[in-house]
Amino acid sequence: SGGGLVQAGGSLRLSCAASGRTSGTYPMGWFRQAPGTGR
């Protein structure tokens, strides 16, 4: 959650919550993918 439209120089805060059959605490990460590029 937390994505959106912002002007250059601005800020955003993304959040990610896990649910379901978690088996402990996981290493977590963020990736991004722009059109026509890799992750």
PDB file of all heavy atoms in Angstrom:
ATOM      1  N   SER A   1       0.853  -1.184   0.000  1.00  0.00           N
ATOM      2  CA  SER A   1       0.000   0.000   0.000  1.00  0.00           C
ATOM      3  C   SER A   1       0.888   1.232   0.000  1.00  0.00           C
ATOM      4  O   SER A   1       2.087   1.145   0.303  1.00  0.00           O
ATOM      5  CB  SER A   1      -0.921   0.011   1.226  1.00  0.00           C
ATOM      6  OG  SER A   1      -0.154   0.026   2.419  1.00  0.00           O
ATOM      7  N   GLY A   2       0.291   2.375  -0.356  1.00  0.00           N
ATOM      8  CA  GLY A   2       1.002   3.639  -0.251  1.00  0.00           C
ATOM      9  C   GLY A   2       1.499   4.233  -1.549  1.00  0.00           C
ATOM     10  O   GLY A   2       2.080   5.316  -1.545  1.00  0.00           O
ATOM     11  N   GLY A   3       1.299   3.553  -2.659  1.00  0.00           N
ATOM     12  CA  GLY A   3       1.731   4.129  -3.926  1.00  0.00           C
ATOM     13  C   GLY A   3       0.859   5.309  -4.329  1.00  0.00           C
ATOM     14  O   GLY A   3      -0.144   5.615  -3.692  1.00  0.00           O
ATOM     15  N   GLY A   4       1.269   5.986  -5.398  1.00  0.00           N
ATOM     16  CA  GLY A   4       0.481   7.106  -5.872  1.00  0.00           C
ATOM     17  C   GLY A   4       1.278   8.014  -6.776  1.00  0.00           C
ATOM     18  O   GLY A   4       2.345   7.647  -7.280  1.00  0.00           O
ATOM     19  N   LEU A   5       0.744   9.209  -6.965  1.00  0.00           N
ATOM     20  CA  LEU A   5       1.344  10.222  -7.830  1.00  0.00           C
ATOM     21  C   LEU A   5       1.931  11.324  -6.959  1.00  0.00           C
ATOM     22  O   LEU A   5       1.264  11.821  -6.044  1.00  0.00           O
ATOM     23  CB  LEU A   5       0.283  10.791  -8.771  1.00  0.00           C
ATOM     24  CG  LEU A   5       0.680  11.984  -9.635  1.00  0.00           C
ATOM     25  CD1 LEU A   5       1.761  11.575 -10.632  1.00  0.00           C
ATOM     26  CD2 LEU A   5      -0.549  12.536 -10.359  1.00  0.00           C
ATOM     27  N   VAL A   6       3.165  11.697  -7.253  1.00  0.00           N
ATOM     28  CA  VAL A   6       3.831  12.736  -6.477  1.00  0.00           C
ATOM     29  C   VAL A   6       4.713  13.551  -7.414  1.00  0.00           C
ATOM     30  O   VAL A   6       5.182  13.037  -8.439  1.00  0.00           O
ATOM     31  CB  VAL A   6       4.653  12.110  -5.327  1.00  0.00           C
ATOM     32  CG1 VAL A   6       5.798  11.262  -5.865  1.00  0.00           C
ATOM     33  CG2 VAL A   6       5.159  13.162  -4.367  1.00  0.00           C
ATOM     34  N   GLN A   7       4.935  14.797  -7.070  1.00  0.00           N
ATOM     35  CA  GLN A   7       5.824  15.640  -7.864  1.00  0.00           C
ATOM     36  C   GLN A   7       7.284  15.336  -7.535  1.00  0.00           C
ATOM     37  O   GLN A   7       7.602  14.877  -6.423  1.00  0.00           O
ATOM     38  CB  GLN A   7       5.540  17.113  -7.608  1.00  0.00           C
ATOM     39  CG  GLN A   7       4.227  17.602  -8.197  1.00  0.00           C
ATOM     40  CD  GLN A   7       4.068  19.105  -8.103  1.00  0.00           C
ATOM     41  OE1 GLN A   7       4.569  19.730  -7.176  1.00  0.00           O
ATOM     42  NE2 GLN A   7       3.378  19.691  -9.070  1.00  0.00           N
ATOM     43  N   ALA A   8       8.151  15.622  -8.473  1.00  0.00           N
ATOM     44  CA  ALA A   8       9.581  15.438  -8.250  1.00  0.00           C
ATOM     45  C   ALA A   8      10.020  16.200  -7.002  1.00  0.00           C
ATOM     46  O   ALA A   8       9.590  17.330  -6.770  1.00  0.00           O
ATOM     47  CB  ALA A   8      10.362  15.908  -9.465  1.00  0.00           C
ATOM     48  N   GLY A   9      10.859  15.542  -6.204  1.00  0.00           N
ATOM     49  CA  GLY A   9      11.296  16.122  -4.945  1.00  0.00           C
ATOM     50  C   GLY A   9      10.427  15.746  -3.764  1.00  0.00           C
ATOM     51  O   GLY A   9      10.811  15.989  -2.607  1.00  0.00           O
ATOM     52  N   GLY A  10       9.282  15.161  -4.034  1.00  0.00           N
ATOM     53  CA  GLY A  10       8.367  14.790  -2.967  1.00  0.00           C
ATOM     54  C   GLY A  10       8.704  13.456  -2.334  1.00  0.00           C
ATOM     55  O   GLY A  10       9.730  12.832  -2.643  1.00  0.00           O
ATOM     56  N   SER A  11       7.809  13.009  -1.452  1.00  0.00           N
ATOM     57  CA  SER A  11       8.027  11.780  -0.690  1.00  0.00           C
ATOM     58  C   SER A  11       6.796  10.897  -0.728  1.00  0.00           C
ATOM     59  O   SER A  11       5.670  11.388  -0.858  1.00  0.00           O
ATOM     60  CB  SER A  11       8.347  12.108   0.770  1.00  0.00           C
ATOM     61  OG  SER A  11       9.513  12.886   0.891  1.00  0.00           O
ATOM     62  N   LEU A  12       7.036   9.603  -0.605  1.00  0.00           N
ATOM     63  CA  LEU A  12       5.984   8.619  -0.432  1.00  0.00           C
ATOM     64  C   LEU A  12       6.489   7.552   0.529  1.00  0.00           C
ATOM     65  O   LEU A  12       7.698   7.309   0.615  1.00  0.00           O
ATOM     66  CB  LEU A  12       5.609   7.948  -1.761  1.00  0.00           C
ATOM     67  CG  LEU A  12       4.713   8.695  -2.737  1.00  0.00           C
ATOM     68  CD1 LEU A  12       4.591   7.895  -4.035  1.00  0.00           C
ATOM     69  CD2 LEU A  12       3.335   8.948  -2.146  1.00  0.00           C
ATOM     70  N   ARG A  13       5.554   6.894   1.191  1.00  0.00           N
ATOM     71  CA  ARG A  13       5.902   5.788   2.079  1.00  0.00           C
ATOM     72  C   ARG A  13       5.090   4.572   1.666  1.00  0.00           C
ATOM     73  O   ARG A  13       3.860   4.615   1.697  1.00  0.00           O
ATOM     74  CB  ARG A  13       5.616   6.160   3.532  1.00  0.00           C
ATOM     75  CG  ARG A  13       5.903   5.063   4.551  1.00  0.00           C
ATOM     76  CD  ARG A  13       5.625   5.587   5.946  1.00  0.00           C
ATOM     77  NE  ARG A  13       5.594   4.584   6.976  1.00  0.00           N
ATOM     78  CZ  ARG A  13       6.641   4.179   7.669  1.00  0.00           C
ATOM     79  NH1 ARG A  13       7.833   4.678   7.414  1.00  0.00           N
ATOM     80  NH2 ARG A  13       6.521   3.268   8.625  1.00  0.00           N
ATOM     81  N   LEU A  14       5.781   3.526   1.282  1.00  0.00           N
ATOM     82  CA  LEU A  14       5.135   2.271   0.932  1.00  0.00           C
ATOM     83  C   LEU A  14       5.160   1.332   2.131  1.00  0.00           C
ATOM     84  O   LEU A  14       6.108   1.352   2.923  1.00  0.00           O
ATOM     85  CB  LEU A  14       5.849   1.601  -0.241  1.00  0.00           C
ATOM     86  CG  LEU A  14       6.024   2.431  -1.514  1.00  0.00           C
ATOM     87  CD1 LEU A  14       6.705   1.576  -2.594  1.00  0.00           C
ATOM     88  CD2 LEU A  14       4.717   2.974  -2.009  1.00  0.00           C
ATOM     89  N   SER A  15       4.126   0.536   2.238  1.00  0.00           N
ATOM     90  CA  SER A  15       4.065  -0.479   3.296  1.00  0.00           C
ATOM     91  C   SER A  15       3.715  -1.821   2.686  1.00  0.00           C
ATOM     92  O   SER A  15       3.066  -1.895   1.635  1.00  0.00           O
ATOM     93  CB  SER A  15       3.032  -0.092   4.351  1.00  0.00           C
ATOM     94  OG  SER A  15       3.417   1.080   5.039  1.00  0.00           O
ATOM     95  N   CYS A  16       4.139  -2.858   3.375  1.00  0.00           N
ATOM     96  CA  CYS A  16       3.890  -4.228   2.915  1.00  0.00           C
ATOM     97  C   CYS A  16       3.601  -5.084   4.136  1.00  0.00           C
ATOM     98  O   CYS A  16       4.405  -5.104   5.075  1.00  0.00           O
ATOM     99  CB  CYS A  16       5.104  -4.754   2.169  1.00  0.00           C
ATOM    100  SG  CYS A  16       5.030  -6.510   1.751  1.00  0.00           S
ATOM    101  N   ALA A  17       2.487  -5.791   4.097  1.00  0.00           N
ATOM    102  CA  ALA A  17       2.120  -6.657   5.218  1.00  0.00           C
ATOM    103  C   ALA A  17       1.931  -8.083   4.718  1.00  0.00           C
ATOM    104  O   ALA A  17       1.276  -8.308   3.700  1.00  0.00           O
ATOM    105  CB  ALA A  17       0.837  -6.150   5.865  1.00  0.00           C
ATOM    106  N   ALA A  18       2.492  -9.015   5.461  1.00  0.00           N
ATOM    107  CA  ALA A  18       2.354 -10.426   5.134  1.00  0.00           C
ATOM    108  C   ALA A  18       1.234 -11.044   5.960  1.00  0.00           C
ATOM    109  O   ALA A  18       1.034 -10.684   7.119  1.00  0.00           O
ATOM    110  CB  ALA A  18       3.661 -11.166   5.395  1.00  0.00           C
ATOM    111  N   SER A  19       0.526 -11.950   5.340  1.00  0.00           N
ATOM    112  CA  SER A  19      -0.510 -12.692   6.060  1.00  0.00           C
ATOM    113  C   SER A  19      -0.511 -14.126   5.561  1.00  0.00           C
ATOM    114  O   SER A  19       0.148 -14.457   4.575  1.00  0.00           O
ATOM    115  CB  SER A  19      -1.882 -12.053   5.850  1.00  0.00           C
ATOM    116  OG  SER A  19      -2.228 -12.075   4.474  1.00  0.00           O
ATOM    117  N   GLY A  20      -1.245 -14.977   6.255  1.00  0.00           N
ATOM    118  CA  GLY A  20      -1.315 -16.374   5.856  1.00  0.00           C
ATOM    119  C   GLY A  20      -0.422 -17.241   6.713  1.00  0.00           C
ATOM    120  O   GLY A  20      -0.112 -16.919   7.853  1.00  0.00           O
ATOM    121  N   ARG A  21       0.049 -18.334   6.144  1.00  0.00           N
ATOM    122  CA  ARG A  21       0.784 -19.339   6.899  1.00  0.00           C
ATOM    123  C   ARG A  21       2.271 -19.004   6.949  1.00  0.00           C
ATOM    124  O   ARG A  21       3.103 -19.717   6.392  1.00  0.00           O
ATOM    125  CB  ARG A  21       0.554 -20.716   6.272  1.00  0.00           C
ATOM    126  CG  ARG A  21      -0.910 -21.139   6.285  1.00  0.00           C
ATOM    127  CD  ARG A  21      -1.113 -22.444   5.551  1.00  0.00           C
ATOM    128  NE  ARG A  21      -0.445 -23.557   6.201  1.00  0.00           N
ATOM    129  CZ  ARG A  21      -0.989 -24.267   7.185  1.00  0.00           C
ATOM    130  NH1 ARG A  21      -2.204 -23.963   7.635  1.00  0.00           N
ATOM    131  NH2 ARG A  21      -0.334 -25.272   7.720  1.00  0.00           N
ATOM    132  N   THR A  22       2.588 -17.914   7.659  1.00  0.00           N
ATOM    133  CA  THR A  22       3.997 -17.550   7.806  1.00  0.00           C
ATOM    134  C   THR A  22       4.659 -18.503   8.791  1.00  0.00           C
ATOM    135  O   THR A  22       4.038 -18.961   9.751  1.00  0.00           O
ATOM    136  CB  THR A  22       4.152 -16.108   8.285  1.00  0.00           C
ATOM    137  OG1 THR A  22       3.475 -15.973   9.539  1.00  0.00           O
ATOM    138  CG2 THR A  22       3.559 -15.127   7.292  1.00  0.00           C
ATOM    139  N   SER A  23       5.931 -18.808   8.547  1.00  0.00           N
ATOM    140  CA  SER A  23       6.650 -19.775   9.387  1.00  0.00           C
ATOM    141  C   SER A  23       7.738 -19.111  10.204  1.00  0.00           C
ATOM    142  O   SER A  23       8.677 -19.763  10.637  1.00  0.00           O
ATOM    143  CB  SER A  23       7.263 -20.864   8.502  1.00  0.00           C
ATOM    144  OG  SER A  23       8.170 -20.305   7.566  1.00  0.00           O
ATOM    145  N   GLY A  24       7.629 -17.816  10.414  1.00  0.00           N
ATOM    146  CA  GLY A  24       8.634 -17.100  11.188  1.00  0.00           C
ATOM    147  C   GLY A  24       8.767 -15.698  10.647  1.00  0.00           C
ATOM    148  O   GLY A  24       7.864 -15.173   9.994  1.00  0.00           O
ATOM    149  N   THR A  25       9.908 -15.105  10.944  1.00  0.00           N
ATOM    150  CA  THR A  25      10.180 -13.752  10.452  1.00  0.00           C
ATOM    151  C   THR A  25      11.080 -13.847   9.237  1.00  0.00           C
ATOM    152  O   THR A  25      12.137 -14.493   9.287  1.00  0.00           O
ATOM    153  CB  THR A  25      10.854 -12.913  11.550  1.00  0.00           C
ATOM    154  OG1 THR A  25      10.037 -12.949  12.724  1.00  0.00           O
ATOM    155  CG2 THR A  25      11.006 -11.478  11.090  1.00  0.00           C
ATOM    156  N   TYR A  26      10.691 -13.200   8.158  1.00  0.00           N
ATOM    157  CA  TYR A  26      11.387 -13.343   6.884  1.00  0.00           C
ATOM    158  C   TYR A  26      12.261 -12.145   6.560  1.00  0.00           C
ATOM    159  O   TYR A  26      11.883 -11.007   6.873  1.00  0.00           O
ATOM    160  CB  TYR A  26      10.376 -13.480   5.749  1.00  0.00           C
ATOM    161  CG  TYR A  26       9.418 -14.633   5.862  1.00  0.00           C
ATOM    162  CD1 TYR A  26       8.079 -14.456   5.565  1.00  0.00           C
ATOM    163  CD2 TYR A  26       9.845 -15.900   6.229  1.00  0.00           C
ATOM    164  CE1 TYR A  26       7.184 -15.504   5.631  1.00  0.00           C
ATOM    165  CE2 TYR A  26       8.958 -16.952   6.303  1.00  0.00           C
ATOM    166  CZ  TYR A  26       7.629 -16.756   6.005  1.00  0.00           C
ATOM    167  OH  TYR A  26       6.744 -17.801   6.074  1.00  0.00           O
ATOM    168  N   PRO A  27      13.389 -12.347   5.891  1.00  0.00           N
ATOM    169  CA  PRO A  27      14.026 -11.217   5.217  1.00  0.00           C
ATOM    170  C   PRO A  27      13.050 -10.656   4.186  1.00  0.00           C
ATOM    171  O   PRO A  27      12.336 -11.418   3.522  1.00  0.00           O
ATOM    172  CB  PRO A  27      15.238 -11.844   4.526  1.00  0.00           C
ATOM    173  CG  PRO A  27      15.479 -13.125   5.242  1.00  0.00           C
ATOM    174  CD  PRO A  27      14.138 -13.594   5.699  1.00  0.00           C
ATOM    175  N   MET A  28      13.015  -9.343   4.068  1.00  0.00           N
ATOM    176  CA  MET A  28      12.071  -8.731   3.137  1.00  0.00           C
ATOM    177  C   MET A  28      12.793  -7.730   2.243  1.00  0.00           C
ATOM    178  O   MET A  28      13.894  -7.265   2.576  1.00  0.00           O
ATOM    179  CB  MET A  28      10.924  -8.051   3.900  1.00  0.00           C
ATOM    180  CG  MET A  28      10.134  -9.040   4.758  1.00  0.00           C
ATOM    181  SD  MET A  28       8.702  -8.315   5.561  1.00  0.00           S
ATOM    182  CE  MET A  28       7.578  -8.143   4.171  1.00  0.00           C
ATOM    183  N   GLY A  29      12.175  -7.430   1.133  1.00  0.00           N
ATOM    184  CA  GLY A  29      12.803  -6.509   0.211  1.00  0.00           C
ATOM    185  C   GLY A  29      11.792  -5.811  -0.672  1.00  0.00           C
ATOM    186  O   GLY A  29      10.610  -6.178  -0.701  1.00  0.00           O
ATOM    187  N   TRP A  30      12.274  -4.805  -1.374  1.00  0.00           N
ATOM    188  CA  TRP A  30      11.478  -4.067  -2.355  1.00  0.00           C
ATOM    189  C   TRP A  30      12.209  -4.091  -3.689  1.00  0.00           C
ATOM    190  O   TRP A  30      13.431  -3.885  -3.755  1.00  0.00           O
ATOM    191  CB  TRP A  30      11.284  -2.619  -1.912  1.00  0.00           C
ATOM    192  CG  TRP A  30      10.372  -2.455  -0.746  1.00  0.00           C
ATOM    193  CD1 TRP A  30      10.713  -2.390   0.574  1.00  0.00           C
ATOM    194  CD2 TRP A  30       8.954  -2.326  -0.786  1.00  0.00           C
ATOM    195  NE1 TRP A  30       9.601  -2.232   1.361  1.00  0.00           N
ATOM    196  CE2 TRP A  30       8.495  -2.186   0.546  1.00  0.00           C
ATOM    197  CE3 TRP A  30       8.001  -2.306  -1.802  1.00  0.00           C
ATOM    198  CZ2 TRP A  30       7.155  -2.038   0.872  1.00  0.00           C
ATOM    199  CZ3 TRP A  30       6.668  -2.151  -1.484  1.00  0.00           C
ATOM    200  CH2 TRP A  30       6.258  -2.026  -0.155  1.00  0.00           C
ATOM    201  N   PHE A  31      11.440  -4.316  -4.727  1.00  0.00           N
ATOM    202  CA  PHE A  31      11.931  -4.250  -6.094  1.00  0.00           C
ATOM    203  C   PHE A  31      11.022  -3.302  -6.866  1.00  0.00           C
ATOM    204  O   PHE A  31       9.930  -2.963  -6.402  1.00  0.00           O
ATOM    205  CB  PHE A  31      11.895  -5.637  -6.748  1.00  0.00           C
ATOM    206  CG  PHE A  31      12.927  -6.589  -6.207  1.00  0.00           C
ATOM    207  CD1 PHE A  31      12.781  -7.177  -4.969  1.00  0.00           C
ATOM    208  CD2 PHE A  31      14.054  -6.897  -6.950  1.00  0.00           C
ATOM    209  CE1 PHE A  31      13.729  -8.051  -4.465  1.00  0.00           C
ATOM    210  CE2 PHE A  31      15.015  -7.779  -6.467  1.00  0.00           C
ATOM    211  CZ  PHE A  31      14.843  -8.349  -5.214  1.00  0.00           C
ATOM    212  N   ARG A  32      11.477  -2.898  -8.035  1.00  0.00           N
ATOM    213  CA  ARG A  32      10.623  -2.077  -8.889  1.00  0.00           C
ATOM    214  C   ARG A  32      10.846  -2.456 -10.333  1.00  0.00           C
ATOM    215  O   ARG A  32      11.898  -2.995 -10.712  1.00  0.00           O
ATOM    216  CB  ARG A  32      10.895  -0.586  -8.672  1.00  0.00           C
ATOM    217  CG  ARG A  32      12.264  -0.115  -9.124  1.00  0.00           C
ATOM    218  CD  ARG A  32      12.472   1.341  -8.729  1.00  0.00           C
ATOM    219  NE  ARG A  32      13.764   1.861  -9.194  1.00  0.00           N
ATOM    220  CZ  ARG A  32      14.238   3.065  -8.883  1.00  0.00           C
ATOM    221  NH1 ARG A  32      13.526   3.876  -8.091  1.00  0.00           N
ATOM    222  NH2 ARG A  32      15.406   3.448  -9.348  1.00  0.00           N
ATOM    223  N   GLN A  33       9.823  -2.172 -11.131  1.00  0.00           N
ATOM    224  CA  GLN A  33       9.908  -2.476 -12.556  1.00  0.00           C
ATOM    225  C   GLN A  33       9.197  -1.387 -13.334  1.00  0.00           C
ATOM    226  O   GLN A  33       8.005  -1.156 -13.145  1.00  0.00           O
ATOM    227  CB  GLN A  33       9.294  -3.839 -12.861  1.00  0.00           C
ATOM    228  CG  GLN A  33       9.508  -4.309 -14.275  1.00  0.00           C
ATOM    229  CD  GLN A  33       9.209  -5.785 -14.456  1.00  0.00           C
ATOM    230  OE1 GLN A  33       8.594  -6.421 -13.595  1.00  0.00           O
ATOM    231  NE2 GLN A  33       9.661  -6.359 -15.564  1.00  0.00           N
ATOM    232  N   ALA A  34       9.946  -0.724 -14.186  1.00  0.00           N
ATOM    233  CA  ALA A  34       9.395   0.284 -15.077  1.00  0.00           C
ATOM    234  C   ALA A  34       9.054  -0.385 -16.404  1.00  0.00           C
ATOM    235  O   ALA A  34       9.618  -1.436 -16.740  1.00  0.00           O
ATOM    236  CB  ALA A  34      10.397   1.409 -15.280  1.00  0.00           C
ATOM    237  N   PRO A  35       8.163   0.211 -17.183  1.00  0.00           N
ATOM    238  CA  PRO A  35       7.793  -0.392 -18.475  1.00  0.00           C
ATOM    239  C   PRO A  35       9.000  -0.640 -19.362  1.00  0.00           C
ATOM    240  O   PRO A  35       9.868   0.227 -19.512  1.00  0.00           O
ATOM    241  CB  PRO A  35       6.858   0.657 -19.086  1.00  0.00           C
ATOM    242  CG  PRO A  35       6.286   1.373 -17.919  1.00  0.00           C
ATOM    243  CD  PRO A  35       7.384   1.416 -16.893  1.00  0.00           C
ATOM    244  N   GLY A  36       9.098  -1.829 -19.907  1.00  0.00           N
ATOM    245  CA  GLY A  36      10.180  -2.165 -20.817  1.00  0.00           C
ATOM    246  C   GLY A  36      11.508  -2.479 -20.164  1.00  0.00           C
ATOM    247  O   GLY A  36      12.523  -2.639 -20.857  1.00  0.00           O
ATOM    248  N   THR A  37      11.515  -2.571 -18.833  1.00  0.00           N
ATOM    249  CA  THR A  37      12.770  -2.871 -18.131  1.00  0.00           C
ATOM    250  C   THR A  37      12.588  -4.114 -17.263  1.00  0.00           C
ATOM    251  O   THR A  37      11.477  -4.590 -17.037  1.00  0.00           O
ATOM    252  CB  THR A  37      13.205  -1.702 -17.239  1.00  0.00           C
ATOM    253  OG1 THR A  37      12.293  -1.565 -16.138  1.00  0.00           O
ATOM    254  CG2 THR A  37      13.230  -0.396 -18.030  1.00  0.00           C
ATOM    255  N   GLY A  38      13.703  -4.614 -16.754  1.00  0.00           N
ATOM    256  CA  GLY A  38      13.649  -5.751 -15.846  1.00  0.00           C
ATOM    257  C   GLY A  38      13.372  -5.310 -14.421  1.00  0.00           C
ATOM    258  O   GLY A  38      13.333  -4.121 -14.115  1.00  0.00           O
ATOM    259  N   ARG A  39      13.167  -6.295 -13.566  1.00  0.00           N
ATOM    260  CA  ARG A  39      12.894  -6.005 -12.160  1.00  0.00           C
ATOM    261  C   ARG A  39      14.197  -5.600 -11.473  1.00  0.00           C
ATOM    262  O   ARG A  39      15.192  -6.319 -11.520  1.00  0.00           O
ATOM    263  CB  ARG A  39      12.267  -7.227 -11.492  1.00  0.00           C
ATOM    264  CG  ARG A  39      11.639  -6.934 -10.160  1.00  0.00           C
ATOM    265  CD  ARG A  39      10.660  -8.000  -9.745  1.00  0.00           C
ATOM    266  NE  ARG A  39       9.465  -8.021 -10.583  1.00  0.00           N
ATOM    267  CZ  ARG A  39       8.379  -8.710 -10.275  1.00  0.00           C
ATOM    268  NH1 ARG A  39       8.346  -9.463  -9.178  1.00  0.00           N
ATOM    269  NH2 ARG A  39       7.329  -8.679 -11.081  1.00  0.00           N
TER     270      ARG A  39
END
